[in-house]
């Protein structure tokens, strides 16, 4: 279970970095939105998992 938590946290951090980067680079709205939705999905999974 610890490995799953660590993997999920790593994925969340990567998704956050991807979102931040897309915002800083002023990428297309669709790209920023997709990155935001992915980050939200991972955070929701983290919360639902009870970590």
N, C-alpha and C. Protein backbone atom coordinates (compact mmCIF):
# COMPACT_ATOMS: atom_id res chain seq x y z
N UNK A 1 0.84 -1.19 0.00
CA UNK A 1 0.00 0.00 0.00
C UNK A 1 0.87 1.25 0.00
N UNK A 2 1.99 1.18 0.68
CA UNK A 2 2.89 2.33 0.73
C UNK A 2 3.42 2.66 -0.66
N UNK A 3 3.76 1.61 -1.42
CA UNK A 3 4.26 1.83 -2.78
C UNK A 3 3.20 2.49 -3.66
N UNK A 4 1.94 2.08 -3.49
CA UNK A 4 0.85 2.67 -4.26
C UNK A 4 0.70 4.15 -3.93
N UNK A 5 0.82 4.47 -2.64
CA UNK A 5 0.71 5.87 -2.22
C UNK A 5 1.86 6.68 -2.81
N UNK A 6 3.07 6.15 -2.73
CA UNK A 6 4.22 6.88 -3.25
C UNK A 6 4.11 7.09 -4.76
N UNK A 7 3.63 6.08 -5.47
CA UNK A 7 3.45 6.18 -6.91
C UNK A 7 2.39 7.24 -7.26
N UNK A 8 1.32 7.24 -6.50
CA UNK A 8 0.25 8.21 -6.74
C UNK A 8 0.74 9.64 -6.46
N UNK A 9 1.48 9.81 -5.38
CA UNK A 9 2.03 11.13 -5.04
C UNK A 9 2.98 11.59 -6.15
N UNK A 10 3.80 10.69 -6.64
CA UNK A 10 4.71 11.01 -7.74
C UNK A 10 3.93 11.44 -8.98
N UNK A 11 2.86 10.73 -9.29
CA UNK A 11 2.03 11.08 -10.44
C UNK A 11 1.35 12.44 -10.26
N UNK A 12 0.93 12.73 -9.04
CA UNK A 12 0.31 14.02 -8.76
C UNK A 12 1.33 15.14 -8.95
N UNK A 13 2.52 14.95 -8.44
CA UNK A 13 3.57 15.97 -8.59
C UNK A 13 3.92 16.20 -10.05
N UNK A 14 3.99 15.13 -10.82
CA UNK A 14 4.30 15.25 -12.25
C UNK A 14 3.17 15.98 -12.98
N UNK A 15 1.93 15.65 -12.65
CA UNK A 15 0.78 16.31 -13.28
C UNK A 15 0.75 17.80 -12.91
N UNK A 16 1.08 18.12 -11.66
CA UNK A 16 1.11 19.52 -11.25
C UNK A 16 2.18 20.29 -12.01
N UNK A 17 3.35 19.68 -12.15
CA UNK A 17 4.43 20.33 -12.91
C UNK A 17 4.02 20.54 -14.37
N UNK A 18 3.35 19.54 -14.94
CA UNK A 18 2.90 19.65 -16.33
C UNK A 18 1.88 20.80 -16.46
N UNK A 19 0.97 20.90 -15.50
CA UNK A 19 -0.03 21.97 -15.53
C UNK A 19 0.64 23.33 -15.38
N UNK A 20 1.52 23.45 -14.40
CA UNK A 20 2.22 24.72 -14.18
C UNK A 20 3.00 25.14 -15.43
N UNK A 21 3.66 24.19 -16.04
CA UNK A 21 4.45 24.47 -17.24
C UNK A 21 3.56 24.93 -18.39
N UNK A 22 2.43 24.28 -18.56
CA UNK A 22 1.54 24.65 -19.66
C UNK A 22 0.96 26.05 -19.45
N UNK A 23 0.74 26.41 -18.19
CA UNK A 23 0.24 27.76 -17.89
C UNK A 23 1.34 28.79 -18.16
N UNK A 24 2.54 28.51 -17.69
CA UNK A 24 3.66 29.44 -17.88
C UNK A 24 3.98 29.65 -19.36
N UNK A 25 3.86 28.59 -20.14
CA UNK A 25 4.15 28.68 -21.58
C UNK A 25 2.98 29.25 -22.38
N UNK A 26 1.87 29.51 -21.69
CA UNK A 26 0.66 30.02 -22.31
C UNK A 26 0.21 29.14 -23.47
N UNK A 27 0.19 27.84 -23.18
CA UNK A 27 -0.26 26.89 -24.17
C UNK A 27 -1.76 27.04 -24.41
N UNK A 28 -2.24 26.33 -25.39
CA UNK A 28 -3.66 26.42 -25.76
C UNK A 28 -4.54 26.06 -24.57
N UNK A 29 -5.72 26.67 -24.54
CA UNK A 29 -6.67 26.43 -23.46
C UNK A 29 -6.96 24.95 -23.29
N UNK A 30 -7.14 24.24 -24.39
CA UNK A 30 -7.48 22.83 -24.34
C UNK A 30 -6.39 22.02 -23.63
N UNK A 31 -5.14 22.38 -23.87
CA UNK A 31 -4.02 21.69 -23.23
C UNK A 31 -4.01 21.97 -21.73
N UNK A 32 -4.16 23.23 -21.35
CA UNK A 32 -4.19 23.60 -19.93
C UNK A 32 -5.37 22.91 -19.24
N UNK A 33 -6.52 22.92 -19.89
CA UNK A 33 -7.71 22.30 -19.31
C UNK A 33 -7.49 20.80 -19.11
N UNK A 34 -6.95 20.12 -20.12
CA UNK A 34 -6.70 18.68 -20.04
C UNK A 34 -5.73 18.38 -18.89
N UNK A 35 -4.68 19.19 -18.75
CA UNK A 35 -3.73 19.00 -17.65
C UNK A 35 -4.38 19.22 -16.30
N UNK A 36 -5.26 20.20 -16.22
CA UNK A 36 -5.97 20.49 -14.98
C UNK A 36 -6.90 19.34 -14.60
N UNK A 37 -7.62 18.82 -15.57
CA UNK A 37 -8.54 17.71 -15.31
C UNK A 37 -7.78 16.47 -14.86
N UNK A 38 -6.64 16.21 -15.47
CA UNK A 38 -5.82 15.06 -15.07
C UNK A 38 -5.33 15.21 -13.63
N UNK A 39 -4.87 16.40 -13.27
CA UNK A 39 -4.43 16.64 -11.90
C UNK A 39 -5.59 16.46 -10.92
N UNK A 40 -6.74 17.00 -11.25
CA UNK A 40 -7.92 16.85 -10.39
C UNK A 40 -8.29 15.38 -10.22
N UNK A 41 -8.20 14.60 -11.29
CA UNK A 41 -8.53 13.18 -11.24
C UNK A 41 -7.59 12.44 -10.28
N UNK A 42 -6.30 12.77 -10.35
CA UNK A 42 -5.33 12.11 -9.48
C UNK A 42 -5.53 12.50 -8.02
N UNK A 43 -5.82 13.77 -7.78
CA UNK A 43 -6.08 14.23 -6.40
C UNK A 43 -7.33 13.55 -5.85
N UNK A 44 -8.35 13.44 -6.69
CA UNK A 44 -9.59 12.75 -6.27
C UNK A 44 -9.31 11.30 -5.92
N UNK A 45 -8.48 10.64 -6.72
CA UNK A 45 -8.10 9.26 -6.45
C UNK A 45 -7.35 9.14 -5.13
N UNK A 46 -6.46 10.09 -4.86
CA UNK A 46 -5.70 10.12 -3.61
C UNK A 46 -6.65 10.24 -2.42
N UNK A 47 -7.59 11.15 -2.52
CA UNK A 47 -8.55 11.34 -1.42
C UNK A 47 -9.42 10.12 -1.23
N UNK A 48 -9.93 9.58 -2.33
CA UNK A 48 -10.80 8.41 -2.25
C UNK A 48 -10.08 7.18 -1.71
N UNK A 49 -8.76 7.13 -1.92
CA UNK A 49 -7.97 5.99 -1.45
C UNK A 49 -7.73 6.04 0.06
N UNK A 50 -7.99 7.19 0.66
CA UNK A 50 -7.85 7.31 2.10
C UNK A 50 -6.43 7.45 2.59
N UNK A 51 -5.54 7.87 1.71
CA UNK A 51 -4.15 8.06 2.11
C UNK A 51 -4.10 9.30 2.95
